[in-house]
């Protein structure tokens, strides 16, 4: 029990310090260190998340740092998708082959989470360098379809792997709504995650995957861990916390994926499959909307296609088209605008 509680404490500490990463750390720890059935590990971690997330969400709601229009759109399909993810996990069965498939699935989810963390850090840094840091007072336009699709993808990932409610969704929100301040991004993500995790937990419980001993031990450790982590986060430099979290996610993901040379190939392929579209989405976000309009393309469409499509292979195709055809046109439009501005100033 105490070793499980210690794992919960470390996961809660990660959530408190970095705002994400609890499920991405606890679930692989249960599988790799304790030899627990992946389905039981996923279900137990969901129970643990359900105990933690409402607290953080309530704090943000009381402080007004939640975008309720975005929450409503995220949960519209996210909640049924989370239950559907739990159902899909149950359909895999409990054979030896199914266990291997589940470990590969968890490894994939961890790589997605890791790529999302790196993308978030890169996007934040580049926005600051270009004077477009989150928190722009200008109003933002709600993008209904892309936001609903983000909820659909995030909900299904949470239901199947317990990973994604924090690391993936907050990055996609940042790509779609760069004007949102960081605290509103985090608050919105925490509030929408509560019904998603609740639906996924209900599904896992109905299918008999929840182990109350494991889940209870995790909750005992995670709540004080999250509290201490939140206190530490005000002092720990982000430059130290993020690389440490990324390193843990990479090592856990690779340990689940690499069991042979073919596993190594899968791991490298997943990294490219997820990483390249996310980098394309970051690049697309940084071009001005005026340049996109001049080039005849819609920025939200391409950001959504690459960002939302990254975990499901569609993003790689969108990134290839973007790099080959769309980005050059937007860059030419930007150069033309700069030349016109220089002429007018001269």
C-alpha atoms as a PDB file:
ATOM      1  CA  UNK A   1       0.000   0.000   0.000  1.00  0.00           C
ATOM      2  CA  UNK A   2       2.686   2.502   1.001  1.00  0.00           C
ATOM      3  CA  UNK A   3       4.668   1.996  -2.187  1.00  0.00           C
ATOM      4  CA  UNK A   4       1.525   2.698  -4.205  1.00  0.00           C
ATOM      5  CA  UNK A   5       0.828   5.757  -2.077  1.00  0.00           C
ATOM      6  CA  UNK A   6       4.379   6.936  -2.785  1.00  0.00           C
ATOM      7  CA  UNK A   7       3.709   6.626  -6.529  1.00  0.00           C
ATOM      8  CA  UNK A   8       0.522   8.634  -6.068  1.00  0.00           C
ATOM      9  CA  UNK A   9       2.484  11.240  -4.119  1.00  0.00           C
ATOM     10  CA  UNK A  10       5.012  11.647  -6.946  1.00  0.00           C
ATOM     11  CA  UNK A  11       2.209  11.926  -9.511  1.00  0.00           C
ATOM     12  CA  UNK A  12       0.403  14.498  -7.393  1.00  0.00           C
ATOM     13  CA  UNK A  13       3.661  16.379  -6.950  1.00  0.00           C
ATOM     14  CA  UNK A  14       4.054  16.546 -10.747  1.00  0.00           C
ATOM     15  CA  UNK A  15       0.514  17.892 -11.115  1.00  0.00           C
ATOM     16  CA  UNK A  16       1.069  20.487  -8.404  1.00  0.00           C
ATOM     17  CA  UNK A  17       4.401  21.681  -9.779  1.00  0.00           C
ATOM     18  CA  UNK A  18       3.802  21.469 -13.544  1.00  0.00           C
ATOM     19  CA  UNK A  19      -0.008  21.485 -13.793  1.00  0.00           C
ATOM     20  CA  UNK A  20      -0.018  18.224 -15.769  1.00  0.00           C
ATOM     21  CA  UNK A  21       1.672  14.862 -16.039  1.00  0.00           C
ATOM     22  CA  UNK A  22       0.023  12.947 -13.167  1.00  0.00           C
ATOM     23  CA  UNK A  23      -1.644  10.278 -15.289  1.00  0.00           C
ATOM     24  CA  UNK A  24       1.303  10.145 -17.650  1.00  0.00           C
ATOM     25  CA  UNK A  25       3.558   9.211 -14.728  1.00  0.00           C
ATOM     26  CA  UNK A  26       1.335   7.106 -12.486  1.00  0.00           C
ATOM     27  CA  UNK A  27      -0.126   4.724 -15.070  1.00  0.00           C
ATOM     28  CA  UNK A  28       3.225   3.554 -16.536  1.00  0.00           C
ATOM     29  CA  UNK A  29       4.642   3.308 -12.998  1.00  0.00           C
ATOM     30  CA  UNK A  30       1.843   0.914 -12.029  1.00  0.00           C
ATOM     31  CA  UNK A  31       2.494  -1.196 -15.133  1.00  0.00           C
ATOM     32  CA  UNK A  32       6.301  -1.167 -15.189  1.00  0.00           C
ATOM     33  CA  UNK A  33       7.179  -1.101 -11.468  1.00  0.00           C
ATOM     34  CA  UNK A  34       4.284  -2.992  -9.883  1.00  0.00           C
ATOM     35  CA  UNK A  35       3.332  -5.329 -12.741  1.00  0.00           C
ATOM     36  CA  UNK A  36      -0.336  -4.328 -12.525  1.00  0.00           C
ATOM     37  CA  UNK A  37      -2.694  -5.171 -15.385  1.00  0.00           C
ATOM     38  CA  UNK A  38      -2.693  -2.137 -17.717  1.00  0.00           C
ATOM     39  CA  UNK A  39      -6.481  -1.960 -17.641  1.00  0.00           C
ATOM     40  CA  UNK A  40      -6.503  -1.881 -13.840  1.00  0.00           C
ATOM     41  CA  UNK A  41      -3.690   0.688 -13.854  1.00  0.00           C
ATOM     42  CA  UNK A  42      -5.610   2.973 -16.229  1.00  0.00           C
ATOM     43  CA  UNK A  43      -8.872   2.643 -14.284  1.00  0.00           C
ATOM     44  CA  UNK A  44      -7.229   3.197 -10.902  1.00  0.00           C
ATOM     45  CA  UNK A  45      -5.400   6.276 -12.135  1.00  0.00           C
ATOM     46  CA  UNK A  46      -8.685   7.681 -13.448  1.00  0.00           C
ATOM     47  CA  UNK A  47     -10.198   7.323  -9.950  1.00  0.00           C
ATOM     48  CA  UNK A  48      -7.150   9.127  -8.584  1.00  0.00           C
ATOM     49  CA  UNK A  49      -7.541  11.943 -11.138  1.00  0.00           C
ATOM     50  CA  UNK A  50     -11.236  12.254 -10.285  1.00  0.00           C
ATOM     51  CA  UNK A  51     -10.244  12.936  -6.679  1.00  0.00           C
ATOM     52  CA  UNK A  52      -7.720  15.657  -7.601  1.00  0.00           C
ATOM     53  CA  UNK A  53      -9.071  17.607 -10.571  1.00  0.00           C
ATOM     54  CA  UNK A  54     -12.299  19.021  -9.043  1.00  0.00           C
ATOM     55  CA  UNK A  55     -10.247  20.806  -6.378  1.00  0.00           C
ATOM     56  CA  UNK A  56      -8.089  22.662  -8.879  1.00  0.00           C
ATOM     57  CA  UNK A  57     -11.059  23.312 -11.153  1.00  0.00           C
ATOM     58  CA  UNK A  58     -13.092  24.799  -8.296  1.00  0.00           C
ATOM     59  CA  UNK A  59     -10.264  27.171  -7.387  1.00  0.00           C
ATOM     60  CA  UNK A  60     -10.040  28.457 -10.966  1.00  0.00           C
ATOM     61  CA  UNK A  61     -13.828  28.755 -11.240  1.00  0.00           C
ATOM     62  CA  UNK A  62     -13.984  30.855  -8.057  1.00  0.00           C
ATOM     63  CA  UNK A  63     -11.242  33.118  -9.391  1.00  0.00           C
ATOM     64  CA  UNK A  64     -12.993  33.552 -12.751  1.00  0.00           C
ATOM     65  CA  UNK A  65     -10.147  32.002 -14.765  1.00  0.00           C
ATOM     66  CA  UNK A  66     -12.379  29.615 -16.754  1.00  0.00           C
ATOM     67  CA  UNK A  67     -13.751  30.116 -20.270  1.00  0.00           C
ATOM     68  CA  UNK A  68     -17.192  28.514 -19.957  1.00  0.00           C
ATOM     69  CA  UNK A  69     -17.994  28.723 -23.702  1.00  0.00           C
ATOM     70  CA  UNK A  70     -14.912  26.594 -24.365  1.00  0.00           C
ATOM     71  CA  UNK A  71     -15.776  24.184 -21.536  1.00  0.00           C
ATOM     72  CA  UNK A  72     -19.247  23.574 -22.987  1.00  0.00           C
ATOM     73  CA  UNK A  73     -17.837  22.803 -26.424  1.00  0.00           C
ATOM     74  CA  UNK A  74     -15.051  20.570 -25.089  1.00  0.00           C
ATOM     75  CA  UNK A  75     -17.408  18.373 -23.071  1.00  0.00           C
ATOM     76  CA  UNK A  76     -20.114  18.175 -25.772  1.00  0.00           C
ATOM     77  CA  UNK A  77     -18.446  15.187 -27.452  1.00  0.00           C
ATOM     78  CA  UNK A  78     -15.629  14.730 -24.934  1.00  0.00           C
ATOM     79  CA  UNK A  79     -17.830  13.081 -22.311  1.00  0.00           C
ATOM     80  CA  UNK A  80     -19.340  10.398 -24.593  1.00  0.00           C
ATOM     81  CA  UNK A  81     -15.906   9.921 -26.187  1.00  0.00           C
ATOM     82  CA  UNK A  82     -14.365   9.274 -22.754  1.00  0.00           C
ATOM     83  CA  UNK A  83     -16.950   6.576 -22.054  1.00  0.00           C
ATOM     84  CA  UNK A  84     -16.341   5.227 -25.558  1.00  0.00           C
ATOM     85  CA  UNK A  85     -12.620   5.051 -24.844  1.00  0.00           C
ATOM     86  CA  UNK A  86     -13.304   2.951 -21.740  1.00  0.00           C
ATOM     87  CA  UNK A  87     -15.520   0.662 -23.825  1.00  0.00           C
ATOM     88  CA  UNK A  88     -12.830   0.339 -26.519  1.00  0.00           C
ATOM     89  CA  UNK A  89     -10.264  -0.549 -23.855  1.00  0.00           C
ATOM     90  CA  UNK A  90     -12.528  -3.302 -22.543  1.00  0.00           C
ATOM     91  CA  UNK A  91     -12.929  -4.725 -26.056  1.00  0.00           C
ATOM     92  CA  UNK A  92      -9.203  -5.458 -26.262  1.00  0.00           C
ATOM     93  CA  UNK A  93      -9.650  -8.364 -23.846  1.00  0.00           C
ATOM     94  CA  UNK A  94      -7.199  -9.814 -21.337  1.00  0.00           C
ATOM     95  CA  UNK A  95      -5.043 -12.124 -23.448  1.00  0.00           C
ATOM     96  CA  UNK A  96      -1.248 -11.920 -23.598  1.00  0.00           C
ATOM     97  CA  UNK A  97      -1.463 -10.261 -26.998  1.00  0.00           C
ATOM     98  CA  UNK A  98      -3.965  -7.741 -25.642  1.00  0.00           C
ATOM     99  CA  UNK A  99      -1.576  -6.910 -22.783  1.00  0.00           C
ATOM    100  CA  UNK A 100       1.121  -6.166 -25.342  1.00  0.00           C
ATOM    101  CA  UNK A 101      -1.233  -3.978 -27.360  1.00  0.00           C
ATOM    102  CA  UNK A 102      -2.181  -2.050 -24.221  1.00  0.00           C
ATOM    103  CA  UNK A 103       1.456  -1.382 -23.359  1.00  0.00           C
ATOM    104  CA  UNK A 104       2.046  -0.102 -26.902  1.00  0.00           C
ATOM    105  CA  UNK A 105      -1.038   2.097 -26.576  1.00  0.00           C
ATOM    106  CA  UNK A 106       0.225   3.525 -23.290  1.00  0.00           C
ATOM    107  CA  UNK A 107       3.635   4.153 -24.806  1.00  0.00           C
ATOM    108  CA  UNK A 108       1.982   6.003 -27.697  1.00  0.00           C
ATOM    109  CA  UNK A 109      -0.008   8.138 -25.236  1.00  0.00           C
ATOM    110  CA  UNK A 110       3.149   9.015 -23.302  1.00  0.00           C
ATOM    111  CA  UNK A 111       4.978  10.060 -26.475  1.00  0.00           C
ATOM    112  CA  UNK A 112       1.998  12.260 -27.355  1.00  0.00           C
ATOM    113  CA  UNK A 113       2.087  13.793 -23.867  1.00  0.00           C
ATOM    114  CA  UNK A 114       5.829  14.384 -24.098  1.00  0.00           C
ATOM    115  CA  UNK A 115       5.577  15.984 -27.544  1.00  0.00           C
ATOM    116  CA  UNK A 116       2.760  18.171 -26.235  1.00  0.00           C
ATOM    117  CA  UNK A 117       4.859  19.424 -23.325  1.00  0.00           C
ATOM    118  CA  UNK A 118       7.778  20.271 -25.604  1.00  0.00           C
ATOM    119  CA  UNK A 119       5.426  21.982 -28.058  1.00  0.00           C
ATOM    120  CA  UNK A 120       3.850  24.058 -25.287  1.00  0.00           C
ATOM    121  CA  UNK A 121       7.252  25.246 -24.066  1.00  0.00           C
ATOM    122  CA  UNK A 122       8.405  26.072 -27.604  1.00  0.00           C
ATOM    123  CA  UNK A 123       5.207  27.919 -28.480  1.00  0.00           C
ATOM    124  CA  UNK A 124       5.283  29.960 -25.256  1.00  0.00           C
ATOM    125  CA  UNK A 125       8.907  30.952 -25.847  1.00  0.00           C
ATOM    126  CA  UNK A 126       8.369  31.934 -29.482  1.00  0.00           C
ATOM    127  CA  UNK A 127       5.207  33.892 -28.687  1.00  0.00           C
ATOM    128  CA  UNK A 128       7.099  35.855 -26.042  1.00  0.00           C
ATOM    129  CA  UNK A 129       9.980  36.560 -28.422  1.00  0.00           C
ATOM    130  CA  UNK A 130       7.552  37.897 -31.012  1.00  0.00           C
ATOM    131  CA  UNK A 131       5.630  39.998 -28.522  1.00  0.00           C
ATOM    132  CA  UNK A 132       2.529  37.820 -28.651  1.00  0.00           C
ATOM    133  CA  UNK A 133       2.518  36.339 -25.178  1.00  0.00           C
ATOM    134  CA  UNK A 134      -0.774  34.805 -23.960  1.00  0.00           C
ATOM    135  CA  UNK A 135      -2.968  37.305 -22.203  1.00  0.00           C
ATOM    136  CA  UNK A 136      -3.599  39.639 -25.120  1.00  0.00           C
ATOM    137  CA  UNK A 137      -6.586  41.768 -24.032  1.00  0.00           C
ATOM    138  CA  UNK A 138      -8.182  41.607 -27.486  1.00  0.00           C
ATOM    139  CA  UNK A 139     -11.268  39.355 -27.536  1.00  0.00           C
ATOM    140  CA  UNK A 140     -10.932  35.916 -29.039  1.00  0.00           C
ATOM    141  CA  UNK A 141     -13.406  34.250 -31.377  1.00  0.00           C
ATOM    142  CA  UNK A 142     -14.740  30.876 -30.259  1.00  0.00           C
ATOM    143  CA  UNK A 143     -13.948  28.239 -32.890  1.00  0.00           C
ATOM    144  CA  UNK A 144     -16.736  25.739 -32.351  1.00  0.00           C
ATOM    145  CA  UNK A 145     -15.829  22.821 -34.634  1.00  0.00           C
ATOM    146  CA  UNK A 146     -12.085  22.632 -33.800  1.00  0.00           C
ATOM    147  CA  UNK A 147     -12.853  22.977 -30.085  1.00  0.00           C
ATOM    148  CA  UNK A 148     -15.431  20.182 -30.190  1.00  0.00           C
ATOM    149  CA  UNK A 149     -12.922  17.963 -32.025  1.00  0.00           C
ATOM    150  CA  UNK A 150     -10.288  18.678 -29.355  1.00  0.00           C
ATOM    151  CA  UNK A 151     -12.759  17.464 -26.724  1.00  0.00           C
ATOM    152  CA  UNK A 152     -13.547  14.374 -28.800  1.00  0.00           C
ATOM    153  CA  UNK A 153      -9.879  13.430 -29.189  1.00  0.00           C
ATOM    154  CA  UNK A 154      -8.968  14.233 -25.591  1.00  0.00           C
ATOM    155  CA  UNK A 155     -11.948  12.358 -24.184  1.00  0.00           C
ATOM    156  CA  UNK A 156     -11.210   9.202 -26.151  1.00  0.00           C
ATOM    157  CA  UNK A 157      -7.539   9.279 -25.116  1.00  0.00           C
ATOM    158  CA  UNK A 158      -8.483   9.731 -21.461  1.00  0.00           C
ATOM    159  CA  UNK A 159     -10.954   6.854 -21.590  1.00  0.00           C
ATOM    160  CA  UNK A 160      -8.447   4.471 -23.161  1.00  0.00           C
ATOM    161  CA  UNK A 161      -5.185   5.488 -21.481  1.00  0.00           C
ATOM    162  CA  UNK A 162      -5.955   7.957 -18.620  1.00  0.00           C
ATOM    163  CA  UNK A 163      -3.437  10.268 -20.360  1.00  0.00           C
ATOM    164  CA  UNK A 164      -4.262  13.435 -22.284  1.00  0.00           C
ATOM    165  CA  UNK A 165      -6.715  15.444 -20.192  1.00  0.00           C
ATOM    166  CA  UNK A 166      -3.914  17.810 -19.193  1.00  0.00           C
ATOM    167  CA  UNK A 167      -0.898  17.511 -21.421  1.00  0.00           C
ATOM    168  CA  UNK A 168      -2.631  17.268 -24.816  1.00  0.00           C
ATOM    169  CA  UNK A 169      -5.787  19.353 -24.434  1.00  0.00           C
ATOM    170  CA  UNK A 170      -4.088  22.383 -22.896  1.00  0.00           C
ATOM    171  CA  UNK A 171      -1.572  22.466 -25.775  1.00  0.00           C
ATOM    172  CA  UNK A 172      -4.317  22.272 -28.400  1.00  0.00           C
ATOM    173  CA  UNK A 173      -6.190  25.072 -26.624  1.00  0.00           C
ATOM    174  CA  UNK A 174      -3.013  27.131 -26.685  1.00  0.00           C
ATOM    175  CA  UNK A 175      -2.628  26.558 -30.422  1.00  0.00           C
ATOM    176  CA  UNK A 176      -6.254  27.439 -31.180  1.00  0.00           C
ATOM    177  CA  UNK A 177      -6.501  30.341 -28.707  1.00  0.00           C
ATOM    178  CA  UNK A 178      -3.065  31.955 -28.281  1.00  0.00           C
ATOM    179  CA  UNK A 179      -4.717  35.076 -26.832  1.00  0.00           C
ATOM    180  CA  UNK A 180      -5.956  33.184 -23.771  1.00  0.00           C
ATOM    181  CA  UNK A 181      -3.886  33.836 -20.668  1.00  0.00           C
ATOM    182  CA  UNK A 182      -2.076  30.869 -19.151  1.00  0.00           C
ATOM    183  CA  UNK A 183      -4.273  30.730 -16.060  1.00  0.00           C
ATOM    184  CA  UNK A 184      -7.456  30.669 -18.199  1.00  0.00           C
ATOM    185  CA  UNK A 185      -5.974  27.884 -20.340  1.00  0.00           C
ATOM    186  CA  UNK A 186      -5.172  25.832 -17.239  1.00  0.00           C
ATOM    187  CA  UNK A 187      -8.479  26.626 -15.517  1.00  0.00           C
ATOM    188  CA  UNK A 188     -10.547  25.778 -18.586  1.00  0.00           C
ATOM    189  CA  UNK A 189      -8.633  22.537 -19.023  1.00  0.00           C
ATOM    190  CA  UNK A 190      -9.093  21.505 -15.382  1.00  0.00           C
ATOM    191  CA  UNK A 191     -12.845  22.202 -15.374  1.00  0.00           C
ATOM    192  CA  UNK A 192     -13.547  20.383 -18.653  1.00  0.00           C
ATOM    193  CA  UNK A 193     -11.413  17.450 -17.488  1.00  0.00           C
ATOM    194  CA  UNK A 194     -13.721  16.722 -14.540  1.00  0.00           C
ATOM    195  CA  UNK A 195     -16.718  15.406 -16.552  1.00  0.00           C
ATOM    196  CA  UNK A 196     -14.352  13.686 -19.006  1.00  0.00           C
ATOM    197  CA  UNK A 197     -12.550  11.818 -16.238  1.00  0.00           C
ATOM    198  CA  UNK A 198     -15.859  11.093 -14.488  1.00  0.00           C
ATOM    199  CA  UNK A 199     -17.302   9.520 -17.651  1.00  0.00           C
ATOM    200  CA  UNK A 200     -14.143   7.486 -18.232  1.00  0.00           C
ATOM    201  CA  UNK A 201     -14.083   6.354 -14.593  1.00  0.00           C
ATOM    202  CA  UNK A 202     -17.739   5.323 -14.752  1.00  0.00           C
ATOM    203  CA  UNK A 203     -17.032   3.272 -17.854  1.00  0.00           C
ATOM    204  CA  UNK A 204     -14.015   1.572 -16.291  1.00  0.00           C
ATOM    205  CA  UNK A 205     -16.024   0.816 -13.127  1.00  0.00           C
ATOM    206  CA  UNK A 206     -18.913  -0.682 -15.102  1.00  0.00           C
ATOM    207  CA  UNK A 207     -16.466  -2.932 -16.949  1.00  0.00           C
ATOM    208  CA  UNK A 208     -14.934  -4.051 -13.630  1.00  0.00           C
ATOM    209  CA  UNK A 209     -11.441  -2.601 -14.082  1.00  0.00           C
ATOM    210  CA  UNK A 210     -11.291  -0.446 -10.936  1.00  0.00           C
ATOM    211  CA  UNK A 211      -9.246  -1.874  -8.069  1.00  0.00           C
ATOM    212  CA  UNK A 212     -10.266   0.008  -4.927  1.00  0.00           C
ATOM    213  CA  UNK A 213      -7.101  -0.953  -3.050  1.00  0.00           C
ATOM    214  CA  UNK A 214      -4.847   0.421  -5.770  1.00  0.00           C
ATOM    215  CA  UNK A 215      -7.011   3.489  -6.390  1.00  0.00           C
ATOM    216  CA  UNK A 216      -7.364   4.285  -2.676  1.00  0.00           C
ATOM    217  CA  UNK A 217      -3.627   4.023  -2.107  1.00  0.00           C
ATOM    218  CA  UNK A 218      -2.966   6.403  -5.003  1.00  0.00           C
ATOM    219  CA  UNK A 219      -5.479   8.943  -3.669  1.00  0.00           C
ATOM    220  CA  UNK A 220      -3.886   8.841  -0.203  1.00  0.00           C
ATOM    221  CA  UNK A 221      -0.545   9.830  -1.712  1.00  0.00           C
ATOM    222  CA  UNK A 222      -1.632  12.127  -4.540  1.00  0.00           C
ATOM    223  CA  UNK A 223      -3.644  14.678  -2.554  1.00  0.00           C
ATOM    224  CA  UNK A 224      -0.786  15.752  -0.243  1.00  0.00           C
ATOM    225  CA  UNK A 225       1.591  15.478  -3.212  1.00  0.00           C
ATOM    226  CA  UNK A 226      -0.496  17.900  -5.254  1.00  0.00           C
ATOM    227  CA  UNK A 227      -0.721  20.303  -2.304  1.00  0.00           C
ATOM    228  CA  UNK A 228       3.037  20.281  -1.704  1.00  0.00           C
ATOM    229  CA  UNK A 229       3.719  20.517  -5.437  1.00  0.00           C
ATOM    230  CA  UNK A 230       1.541  23.613  -5.705  1.00  0.00           C
ATOM    231  CA  UNK A 231       3.549  25.226  -2.920  1.00  0.00           C
ATOM    232  CA  UNK A 232       6.850  24.246  -4.548  1.00  0.00           C
ATOM    233  CA  UNK A 233       5.779  25.479  -7.987  1.00  0.00           C
ATOM    234  CA  UNK A 234       6.052  29.094  -6.866  1.00  0.00           C
ATOM    235  CA  UNK A 235       9.747  28.556  -6.155  1.00  0.00           C
ATOM    236  CA  UNK A 236      10.900  25.860  -8.593  1.00  0.00           C
ATOM    237  CA  UNK A 237      12.116  27.312 -11.923  1.00  0.00           C
ATOM    238  CA  UNK A 238      10.138  26.132 -14.953  1.00  0.00           C
ATOM    239  CA  UNK A 239      13.433  25.524 -16.769  1.00  0.00           C
ATOM    240  CA  UNK A 240      14.112  22.755 -14.240  1.00  0.00           C
ATOM    241  CA  UNK A 241      10.617  21.272 -13.877  1.00  0.00           C
ATOM    242  CA  UNK A 242       9.703  20.855 -17.555  1.00  0.00           C
ATOM    243  CA  UNK A 243      12.869  19.006 -18.696  1.00  0.00           C
ATOM    244  CA  UNK A 244      12.596  16.657 -15.719  1.00  0.00           C
ATOM    245  CA  UNK A 245       8.972  15.851 -16.529  1.00  0.00           C
ATOM    246  CA  UNK A 246       9.788  15.345 -20.220  1.00  0.00           C
ATOM    247  CA  UNK A 247      12.674  13.010 -19.326  1.00  0.00           C
ATOM    248  CA  UNK A 248      10.389  10.904 -17.130  1.00  0.00           C
ATOM    249  CA  UNK A 249       7.734  10.699 -19.836  1.00  0.00           C
ATOM    250  CA  UNK A 250      10.266   9.760 -22.531  1.00  0.00           C
ATOM    251  CA  UNK A 251      11.850   7.034 -20.403  1.00  0.00           C
ATOM    252  CA  UNK A 252       8.465   5.566 -19.448  1.00  0.00           C
ATOM    253  CA  UNK A 253       7.143   5.699 -23.006  1.00  0.00           C
ATOM    254  CA  UNK A 254      10.234   4.080 -24.483  1.00  0.00           C
ATOM    255  CA  UNK A 255      10.246   1.386 -21.798  1.00  0.00           C
ATOM    256  CA  UNK A 256       6.723   0.446 -22.841  1.00  0.00           C
ATOM    257  CA  UNK A 257       7.402   0.653 -26.579  1.00  0.00           C
ATOM    258  CA  UNK A 258      10.881  -0.772 -27.014  1.00  0.00           C
ATOM    259  CA  UNK A 259      10.795  -4.499 -26.388  1.00  0.00           C
ATOM    260  CA  UNK A 260      12.594  -5.391 -29.641  1.00  0.00           C
ATOM    261  CA  UNK A 261      14.079  -3.807 -32.752  1.00  0.00           C
ATOM    262  CA  UNK A 262      10.587  -3.511 -34.161  1.00  0.00           C
ATOM    263  CA  UNK A 263       9.572  -1.717 -30.975  1.00  0.00           C
ATOM    264  CA  UNK A 264      12.379   0.771 -31.513  1.00  0.00           C
ATOM    265  CA  UNK A 265      11.094   1.400 -35.025  1.00  0.00           C
ATOM    266  CA  UNK A 266       7.590   1.971 -33.678  1.00  0.00           C
ATOM    267  CA  UNK A 267       8.925   4.403 -31.071  1.00  0.00           C
ATOM    268  CA  UNK A 268      10.852   6.472 -33.619  1.00  0.00           C
ATOM    269  CA  UNK A 269       7.891   6.416 -35.990  1.00  0.00           C
ATOM    270  CA  UNK A 270       5.503   7.645 -33.290  1.00  0.00           C
ATOM    271  CA  UNK A 271       7.878  10.456 -32.353  1.00  0.00           C
ATOM    272  CA  UNK A 272       7.962  11.657 -35.973  1.00  0.00           C
ATOM    273  CA  UNK A 273       4.230  11.065 -36.454  1.00  0.00           C
ATOM    274  CA  UNK A 274       3.323  13.263 -33.492  1.00  0.00           C
ATOM    275  CA  UNK A 275       6.210  15.711 -33.304  1.00  0.00           C
ATOM    276  CA  UNK A 276       6.291  17.008 -36.883  1.00  0.00           C
ATOM    277  CA  UNK A 277       2.604  18.013 -37.069  1.00  0.00           C
ATOM    278  CA  UNK A 278       2.795  19.726 -33.679  1.00  0.00           C
ATOM    279  CA  UNK A 279       5.809  21.743 -34.799  1.00  0.00           C
ATOM    280  CA  UNK A 280       3.886  22.638 -37.962  1.00  0.00           C
ATOM    281  CA  UNK A 281       0.934  23.807 -35.858  1.00  0.00           C
ATOM    282  CA  UNK A 282       3.250  25.980 -33.764  1.00  0.00           C
ATOM    283  CA  UNK A 283       4.749  27.521 -36.899  1.00  0.00           C
ATOM    284  CA  UNK A 284       1.301  28.190 -38.376  1.00  0.00           C
ATOM    285  CA  UNK A 285       0.144  29.868 -35.156  1.00  0.00           C
ATOM    286  CA  UNK A 286       3.008  32.363 -35.285  1.00  0.00           C
ATOM    287  CA  UNK A 287       2.096  33.796 -38.715  1.00  0.00           C
ATOM    288  CA  UNK A 288      -0.211  36.814 -38.601  1.00  0.00           C
ATOM    289  CA  UNK A 289      -3.857  36.347 -39.590  1.00  0.00           C
ATOM    290  CA  UNK A 290      -3.475  39.168 -42.152  1.00  0.00           C
ATOM    291  CA  UNK A 291      -0.765  37.193 -43.951  1.00  0.00           C
ATOM    292  CA  UNK A 292      -2.974  34.103 -43.978  1.00  0.00           C
ATOM    293  CA  UNK A 293      -5.845  36.070 -45.485  1.00  0.00           C
ATOM    294  CA  UNK A 294      -3.571  37.581 -48.129  1.00  0.00           C
ATOM    295  CA  UNK A 295      -2.344  34.085 -49.042  1.00  0.00           C
ATOM    296  CA  UNK A 296      -5.923  32.827 -49.357  1.00  0.00           C
ATOM    297  CA  UNK A 297      -5.791  30.263 -46.546  1.00  0.00           C
ATOM    298  CA  UNK A 298      -7.514  29.961 -43.161  1.00  0.00           C
ATOM    299  CA  UNK A 299      -5.109  29.715 -40.233  1.00  0.00           C
ATOM    300  CA  UNK A 300      -7.495  27.944 -37.843  1.00  0.00           C
ATOM    301  CA  UNK A 301      -8.136  25.171 -40.370  1.00  0.00           C
ATOM    302  CA  UNK A 302      -4.443  24.323 -40.733  1.00  0.00           C
ATOM    303  CA  UNK A 303      -3.615  24.677 -37.047  1.00  0.00           C
ATOM    304  CA  UNK A 304      -6.507  22.356 -36.194  1.00  0.00           C
ATOM    305  CA  UNK A 305      -5.649  19.859 -38.936  1.00  0.00           C
ATOM    306  CA  UNK A 306      -2.050  19.528 -37.767  1.00  0.00           C
ATOM    307  CA  UNK A 307      -2.582  19.883 -34.005  1.00  0.00           C
ATOM    308  CA  UNK A 308      -5.703  17.760 -33.568  1.00  0.00           C
ATOM    309  CA  UNK A 309      -4.606  15.309 -36.253  1.00  0.00           C
ATOM    310  CA  UNK A 310      -1.125  14.774 -34.784  1.00  0.00           C
ATOM    311  CA  UNK A 311      -2.001  11.848 -32.464  1.00  0.00           C
ATOM    312  CA  UNK A 312      -4.069  10.049 -35.124  1.00  0.00           C
ATOM    313  CA  UNK A 313      -1.726  10.207 -38.152  1.00  0.00           C
ATOM    314  CA  UNK A 314      -3.843  12.703 -40.112  1.00  0.00           C
ATOM    315  CA  UNK A 315      -1.655  15.547 -38.884  1.00  0.00           C
ATOM    316  CA  UNK A 316       1.431  14.257 -40.656  1.00  0.00           C
ATOM    317  CA  UNK A 317      -0.263  14.497 -44.063  1.00  0.00           C
ATOM    318  CA  UNK A 318      -1.553  17.980 -43.216  1.00  0.00           C
ATOM    319  CA  UNK A 319       1.956  19.011 -42.105  1.00  0.00           C
ATOM    320  CA  UNK A 320       3.443  17.800 -45.391  1.00  0.00           C
ATOM    321  CA  UNK A 321       0.929  19.822 -47.426  1.00  0.00           C
ATOM    322  CA  UNK A 322       1.470  22.821 -45.164  1.00  0.00           C
ATOM    323  CA  UNK A 323       5.257  22.705 -45.561  1.00  0.00           C
ATOM    324  CA  UNK A 324       5.139  22.133 -49.325  1.00  0.00           C
ATOM    325  CA  UNK A 325       2.372  24.492 -50.400  1.00  0.00           C
ATOM    326  CA  UNK A 326       0.707  26.565 -47.678  1.00  0.00           C
ATOM    327  CA  UNK A 327       3.659  27.870 -45.681  1.00  0.00           C
ATOM    328  CA  UNK A 328       5.510  29.270 -48.735  1.00  0.00           C
ATOM    329  CA  UNK A 329       2.378  31.178 -49.760  1.00  0.00           C
ATOM    330  CA  UNK A 330       1.921  32.640 -46.265  1.00  0.00           C
ATOM    331  CA  UNK A 331       5.619  33.534 -46.086  1.00  0.00           C
ATOM    332  CA  UNK A 332       5.427  35.308 -49.449  1.00  0.00           C
ATOM    333  CA  UNK A 333       2.404  37.261 -48.221  1.00  0.00           C
ATOM    334  CA  UNK A 334       4.296  38.265 -45.082  1.00  0.00           C
ATOM    335  CA  UNK A 335       7.320  39.388 -47.112  1.00  0.00           C
ATOM    336  CA  UNK A 336       5.067  41.396 -49.408  1.00  0.00           C
ATOM    337  CA  UNK A 337       3.398  43.103 -46.427  1.00  0.00           C
ATOM    338  CA  UNK A 338       6.790  43.951 -44.925  1.00  0.00           C
ATOM    339  CA  UNK A 339       7.988  45.407 -48.255  1.00  0.00           C
ATOM    340  CA  UNK A 340       4.844  47.563 -48.546  1.00  0.00           C
ATOM    341  CA  UNK A 341       5.265  48.789 -44.984  1.00  0.00           C
ATOM    342  CA  UNK A 342       8.924  49.634 -45.607  1.00  0.00           C
ATOM    343  CA  UNK A 343       7.989  51.575 -48.756  1.00  0.00           C
ATOM    344  CA  UNK A 344       5.326  53.563 -46.921  1.00  0.00           C
ATOM    345  CA  UNK A 345       7.740  54.421 -44.112  1.00  0.00           C
ATOM    346  CA  UNK A 346      10.403  55.435 -46.637  1.00  0.00           C
END
